[in-house]
């Protein structure tokens, strides 16, 4: 019986040593300083996976999975699009299916972004508070090999297609993959950060991105329930007022920004005035 005691003691010591080593390794992994990265860069590299669990046309939960073995500090994107995965058909109904159909659908339902997603289910867009281009804006941390969820507000980007649906998987992509217009990106960012009424932002996005007139938007109606006979205005007069003001300001801001970039580019390309330069001065 005594001959087995050293063997048991050795086994216990080996188990304790391995367990302690794994514990120290886990602690060491958590002590690694987070790597600072750009949101869409690490998506393209396959380091994180970002999807949207749509609740309805007004938002849902963004799910971000860190697929690496080290913590990441990620710059929030200025704006993004949630695009339905190719090959997934719209499945079933929902109380919101009729909310995106207006009484004047024949004149406006086919107006959608020319670079939009395929399929009958439309993309949605939002923002997370990052500065344009990613640098300088807000950031969030994702622990190694962990998944985080964040509630987000969105707007629909392609009028006339079915509303975002919980049964559909959505991938997070740059807003430009659905709408190339900077004004649309700006409105999505304002909606996503709660700086504008969501319905007003929706009206502005459909006007800016889908070329819907203000008259068409003001006449848009919906049924809260299919069985009800009456229809209701989709936007209130106050929401339309805010939308028109916001759209005008977005267009003015984008135009001013583009003019500023053009002026800076012209200045850099012009040859400098060399009269009275150092080469012509009297040497010391």
Protein backbone atom coordinates (compact mmCIF):
# COMPACT_ATOMS: atom_id res chain seq x y z
CA UNK A 1 0.00 0.00 0.00
CA UNK A 2 2.85 2.37 0.84
CA UNK A 3 4.40 1.86 -2.60
CA UNK A 4 1.43 3.68 -4.22
CA UNK A 5 1.76 6.84 -2.11
CA UNK A 6 4.68 8.40 -4.06
CA UNK A 7 2.85 7.77 -7.34
CA UNK A 8 -0.32 9.44 -6.03
CA UNK A 9 1.69 12.37 -4.71
CA UNK A 10 3.38 12.79 -8.07
CA UNK A 11 0.05 12.68 -9.92
CA UNK A 12 -1.39 15.30 -7.57
CA UNK A 13 1.66 17.53 -8.01
CA UNK A 14 1.52 17.22 -11.80
CA UNK A 15 -2.21 18.05 -11.83
CA UNK A 16 -1.66 21.05 -9.56
CA UNK A 17 1.22 22.27 -11.71
CA UNK A 18 -0.77 22.03 -14.95
CA UNK A 19 -3.84 23.68 -13.44
CA UNK A 20 -1.77 26.51 -12.00
CA UNK A 21 -0.03 26.99 -15.35
CA UNK A 22 -3.37 27.19 -17.20
CA UNK A 23 -4.68 29.68 -14.63
CA UNK A 24 -1.60 31.87 -14.99
CA UNK A 25 -1.91 31.62 -18.78
CA UNK A 26 -5.54 32.77 -18.63
CA UNK A 27 -4.62 35.67 -16.35
CA UNK A 28 -1.73 36.59 -18.63
CA UNK A 29 -4.09 36.59 -21.65
CA UNK A 30 -6.44 38.99 -19.86
CA UNK A 31 -3.51 41.25 -18.94
CA UNK A 32 -2.57 41.74 -22.61
CA UNK A 33 -3.26 45.40 -23.55
CA UNK A 34 -6.03 45.67 -26.16
CA UNK A 35 -5.02 46.13 -29.78
CA UNK A 36 -6.53 49.29 -31.30
CA UNK A 37 -8.17 48.60 -34.66
CA UNK A 38 -10.62 50.02 -37.21
CA UNK A 39 -14.09 48.44 -37.27
CA UNK A 40 -14.36 47.50 -40.94
CA UNK A 41 -10.65 46.65 -41.24
CA UNK A 42 -10.90 43.84 -38.70
CA UNK A 43 -14.15 42.62 -40.28
CA UNK A 44 -12.38 42.34 -43.65
CA UNK A 45 -9.48 40.54 -41.96
CA UNK A 46 -11.85 38.06 -40.35
CA UNK A 47 -10.81 39.06 -36.82
CA UNK A 48 -14.32 40.02 -35.75
CA UNK A 49 -17.78 39.12 -36.97
CA UNK A 50 -20.56 41.72 -36.88
CA UNK A 51 -24.22 40.99 -37.54
CA UNK A 52 -27.58 42.58 -36.77
CA UNK A 53 -30.41 40.80 -35.00
CA UNK A 54 -33.22 42.90 -36.46
CA UNK A 55 -36.24 43.51 -34.30
CA UNK A 56 -38.13 45.58 -36.84
CA UNK A 57 -37.55 48.54 -39.18
CA UNK A 58 -36.52 50.69 -36.21
CA UNK A 59 -33.58 48.67 -34.94
CA UNK A 60 -32.42 45.60 -33.08
CA UNK A 61 -29.18 44.33 -31.54
CA UNK A 62 -25.76 44.45 -33.13
CA UNK A 63 -23.78 41.32 -32.29
CA UNK A 64 -19.98 41.62 -32.43
CA UNK A 65 -17.80 38.56 -31.92
CA UNK A 66 -14.07 38.78 -31.25
CA UNK A 67 -12.57 35.74 -33.01
CA UNK A 68 -9.01 36.40 -31.78
CA UNK A 69 -7.21 35.37 -28.59
CA UNK A 70 -6.49 38.96 -27.54
CA UNK A 71 -8.71 41.88 -26.48
CA UNK A 72 -9.52 44.49 -29.10
CA UNK A 73 -10.22 48.21 -28.79
CA UNK A 74 -12.30 49.12 -31.82
CA UNK A 75 -13.02 52.52 -33.33
CA UNK A 76 -16.78 52.91 -33.80
CA UNK A 77 -17.87 53.37 -37.41
CA UNK A 78 -19.40 56.70 -38.39
CA UNK A 79 -22.23 54.90 -40.18
CA UNK A 80 -22.97 51.36 -41.33
CA UNK A 81 -25.44 49.28 -43.31
CA UNK A 82 -27.04 46.02 -42.19
CA UNK A 83 -27.38 43.96 -45.37
CA UNK A 84 -29.44 40.75 -45.64
CA UNK A 85 -27.28 37.71 -46.34
CA UNK A 86 -27.56 36.63 -49.99
CA UNK A 87 -29.72 33.58 -50.50
CA UNK A 88 -32.05 34.13 -47.55
CA UNK A 89 -35.63 34.56 -48.63
CA UNK A 90 -38.16 36.61 -46.70
CA UNK A 91 -39.92 34.17 -44.39
CA UNK A 92 -43.33 34.82 -42.94
CA UNK A 93 -45.06 38.00 -41.96
CA UNK A 94 -45.16 40.38 -39.06
CA UNK A 95 -47.11 43.37 -37.83
CA UNK A 96 -44.71 45.71 -39.62
CA UNK A 97 -45.01 44.23 -43.10
CA UNK A 98 -47.72 46.68 -44.11
CA UNK A 99 -46.10 49.71 -42.46
CA UNK A 100 -43.70 50.28 -45.34
CA UNK A 101 -46.33 50.40 -48.03
CA UNK A 102 -47.90 53.69 -48.98
CA UNK A 103 -51.20 54.45 -50.63
CA UNK A 104 -49.26 55.82 -53.62
CA UNK A 105 -47.01 52.76 -53.90
CA UNK A 106 -47.23 52.60 -57.70
CA UNK A 107 -45.33 55.87 -58.02
CA UNK A 108 -42.67 55.29 -55.41
CA UNK A 109 -42.25 51.66 -54.36
CA UNK A 110 -39.59 50.89 -56.95
CA UNK A 111 -37.33 53.72 -55.89
CA UNK A 112 -34.39 52.31 -54.04
CA UNK A 113 -30.68 52.84 -53.88
CA UNK A 114 -29.04 51.82 -57.16
CA UNK A 115 -26.24 50.06 -55.28
CA UNK A 116 -28.52 48.35 -52.79
CA UNK A 117 -28.71 44.73 -51.77
CA UNK A 118 -30.31 41.96 -53.72
CA UNK A 119 -33.51 40.20 -52.69
CA UNK A 120 -36.87 41.46 -51.46
CA UNK A 121 -35.76 42.22 -47.90
CA UNK A 122 -34.28 45.67 -47.55
CA UNK A 123 -31.11 46.88 -45.87
CA UNK A 124 -31.12 49.17 -42.87
CA UNK A 125 -28.61 51.76 -41.73
CA UNK A 126 -27.40 53.36 -38.53
CA UNK A 127 -24.41 54.92 -36.81
CA UNK A 128 -22.37 54.34 -33.68
CA UNK A 129 -20.93 57.77 -32.91
CA UNK A 130 -17.52 57.44 -34.54
CA UNK A 131 -16.11 60.35 -36.48
CA UNK A 132 -16.16 60.19 -40.28
CA UNK A 133 -13.33 57.92 -41.33
CA UNK A 134 -13.25 56.20 -37.94
CA UNK A 135 -10.37 58.11 -36.28
CA UNK A 136 -11.13 60.36 -33.36
CA UNK A 137 -14.54 58.96 -32.56
CA UNK A 138 -15.84 56.72 -29.83
CA UNK A 139 -14.39 53.31 -29.14
CA UNK A 140 -15.52 50.05 -27.57
CA UNK A 141 -13.66 47.08 -26.12
CA UNK A 142 -14.20 43.39 -26.90
CA UNK A 143 -12.51 40.84 -24.62
CA UNK A 144 -10.62 37.99 -26.27
CA UNK A 145 -12.86 35.30 -27.76
CA UNK A 146 -15.99 37.01 -26.45
CA UNK A 147 -19.21 38.32 -27.98
CA UNK A 148 -20.92 41.61 -27.11
CA UNK A 149 -24.41 42.85 -27.97
CA UNK A 150 -25.51 46.46 -28.28
CA UNK A 151 -28.97 47.86 -28.94
CA UNK A 152 -29.02 50.05 -32.05
CA UNK A 153 -31.45 52.35 -33.84
CA UNK A 154 -31.72 52.09 -37.61
CA UNK A 155 -33.63 53.37 -40.61
CA UNK A 156 -34.64 51.55 -43.78
CA UNK A 157 -32.45 52.34 -46.80
CA UNK A 158 -34.44 50.90 -49.69
CA UNK A 159 -38.04 52.04 -49.89
CA UNK A 160 -40.42 49.53 -51.45
CA UNK A 161 -38.71 46.38 -50.20
CA UNK A 162 -39.92 44.35 -47.23
CA UNK A 163 -39.10 45.65 -43.76
CA UNK A 164 -36.13 44.17 -41.87
CA UNK A 165 -37.21 40.87 -40.32
CA UNK A 166 -36.01 38.94 -37.23
CA UNK A 167 -35.84 35.73 -39.28
CA UNK A 168 -33.26 37.16 -41.65
CA UNK A 169 -29.52 37.33 -40.93
CA UNK A 170 -27.91 40.71 -41.59
CA UNK A 171 -24.22 41.42 -42.08
CA UNK A 172 -22.72 44.77 -41.05
CA UNK A 173 -21.06 46.50 -44.00
CA UNK A 174 -19.89 50.04 -44.87
CA UNK A 175 -22.85 52.31 -45.62
CA UNK A 176 -21.40 52.93 -49.10
CA UNK A 177 -22.20 49.32 -50.04
CA UNK A 178 -25.87 50.31 -50.10
CA UNK A 179 -25.90 54.08 -50.61
CA UNK A 180 -22.99 56.10 -52.02
CA UNK A 181 -24.46 59.38 -50.82
CA UNK A 182 -22.64 61.08 -47.93
CA UNK A 183 -25.90 62.77 -46.92
CA UNK A 184 -27.47 59.35 -46.25
CA UNK A 185 -24.47 58.31 -44.13
CA UNK A 186 -24.79 61.52 -42.12
CA UNK A 187 -28.50 60.95 -41.46
CA UNK A 188 -27.85 57.33 -40.41
CA UNK A 189 -25.22 58.54 -37.96
CA UNK A 190 -27.63 61.09 -36.48
CA UNK A 191 -30.37 58.48 -36.08
CA UNK A 192 -27.99 55.90 -34.61
CA UNK A 193 -26.74 58.31 -31.96
CA UNK A 194 -30.20 59.65 -31.12
CA UNK A 195 -29.51 63.18 -32.35
CA UNK A 196 -32.61 63.28 -34.54
CA UNK A 197 -36.12 61.84 -34.26
CA UNK A 198 -36.04 58.37 -35.82
CA UNK A 199 -39.10 58.81 -38.03
CA UNK A 200 -37.88 62.22 -39.19
CA UNK A 201 -34.53 60.65 -40.02
CA UNK A 202 -36.32 57.92 -41.97
CA UNK A 203 -38.16 60.49 -44.10
CA UNK A 204 -34.91 62.33 -44.79
CA UNK A 205 -33.12 59.09 -45.80
CA UNK A 206 -35.86 58.10 -48.24
CA UNK A 207 -35.80 61.59 -49.71
CA UNK A 208 -32.00 61.76 -50.01
CA UNK A 209 -31.31 58.13 -50.91
CA UNK A 210 -34.41 56.99 -52.81
CA UNK A 211 -35.36 60.28 -54.50
CA UNK A 212 -38.82 60.39 -52.93
CA UNK A 213 -40.41 63.82 -52.99
CA UNK A 214 -41.60 65.51 -49.82
CA UNK A 215 -45.13 65.36 -51.19
CA UNK A 216 -44.92 61.59 -51.64
CA UNK A 217 -43.56 61.16 -48.14
CA UNK A 218 -46.25 63.36 -46.58
CA UNK A 219 -48.93 61.29 -48.37
CA UNK A 220 -47.45 57.95 -47.28
CA UNK A 221 -49.84 55.90 -45.14
CA UNK A 222 -49.86 52.60 -43.29
CA UNK A 223 -52.12 50.15 -41.50
CA UNK A 224 -51.15 49.20 -37.95
CA UNK A 225 -53.12 45.99 -38.51
CA UNK A 226 -54.12 44.40 -41.79
CA UNK A 227 -57.70 43.77 -40.62
CA UNK A 228 -58.31 47.47 -39.86
CA UNK A 229 -60.03 49.40 -42.67
CA UNK A 230 -58.52 52.83 -42.00
CA UNK A 231 -55.02 53.97 -42.86
CA UNK A 232 -52.86 56.48 -40.96
CA UNK A 233 -50.22 58.98 -41.99
CA UNK A 234 -46.76 57.43 -41.75
CA UNK A 235 -45.15 60.75 -40.78
CA UNK A 236 -46.55 63.57 -38.66
CA UNK A 237 -46.32 67.20 -39.87
CA UNK A 238 -43.67 67.86 -37.19
CA UNK A 239 -41.59 64.88 -38.33
CA UNK A 240 -41.79 66.12 -41.91
CA UNK A 241 -40.69 69.60 -40.83
CA UNK A 242 -37.68 68.17 -38.98
CA UNK A 243 -36.85 65.87 -41.91
CA UNK A 244 -36.84 68.69 -44.47
CA UNK A 245 -34.67 70.89 -42.27
CA UNK A 246 -32.24 68.04 -41.52
CA UNK A 247 -31.99 67.01 -45.19
CA UNK A 248 -31.27 70.58 -46.27
CA UNK A 249 -28.58 70.95 -43.60
CA UNK A 250 -27.04 67.60 -44.55
CA UNK A 251 -26.83 68.60 -48.21
CA UNK A 252 -25.30 71.97 -47.30
CA UNK A 253 -22.76 70.33 -44.98
CA UNK A 254 -21.68 67.74 -47.58
CA UNK A 255 -21.40 70.41 -50.28
CA UNK A 256 -19.29 72.66 -48.04
CA UNK A 257 -17.05 69.72 -47.10
CA UNK A 258 -16.54 68.74 -50.74
CA UNK A 259 -15.77 72.36 -51.71
CA UNK A 260 -13.24 72.58 -48.88
CA UNK A 261 -11.51 69.39 -50.02
CA UNK A 262 -11.46 70.66 -53.61
CA UNK A 263 -9.91 73.97 -52.52
CA UNK A 264 -7.25 72.20 -50.45
CA UNK A 265 -6.40 69.91 -53.37
CA UNK A 266 -6.08 72.85 -55.77
CA UNK A 267 -3.78 74.69 -53.36
CA UNK A 268 -1.48 71.68 -53.04
CA UNK A 269 -1.21 71.28 -56.82
CA UNK A 270 -0.39 74.94 -57.52
CA UNK A 271 3.29 75.84 -57.99
CA UNK A 272 4.57 78.02 -55.13
CA UNK A 273 5.79 81.57 -55.80
CA UNK A 274 9.59 81.36 -55.76
CA UNK A 275 10.31 85.06 -56.20
CA UNK A 276 12.63 86.26 -53.46
CA UNK A 277 13.45 82.71 -52.48
CA UNK A 278 16.46 81.74 -50.38
CA UNK A 279 18.43 80.76 -53.50
CA UNK A 280 18.27 84.35 -54.76
CA UNK A 281 19.29 85.90 -51.48
CA UNK A 282 22.75 87.27 -50.87
CA UNK A 283 24.83 84.51 -49.26
CA UNK A 284 26.09 85.18 -45.76
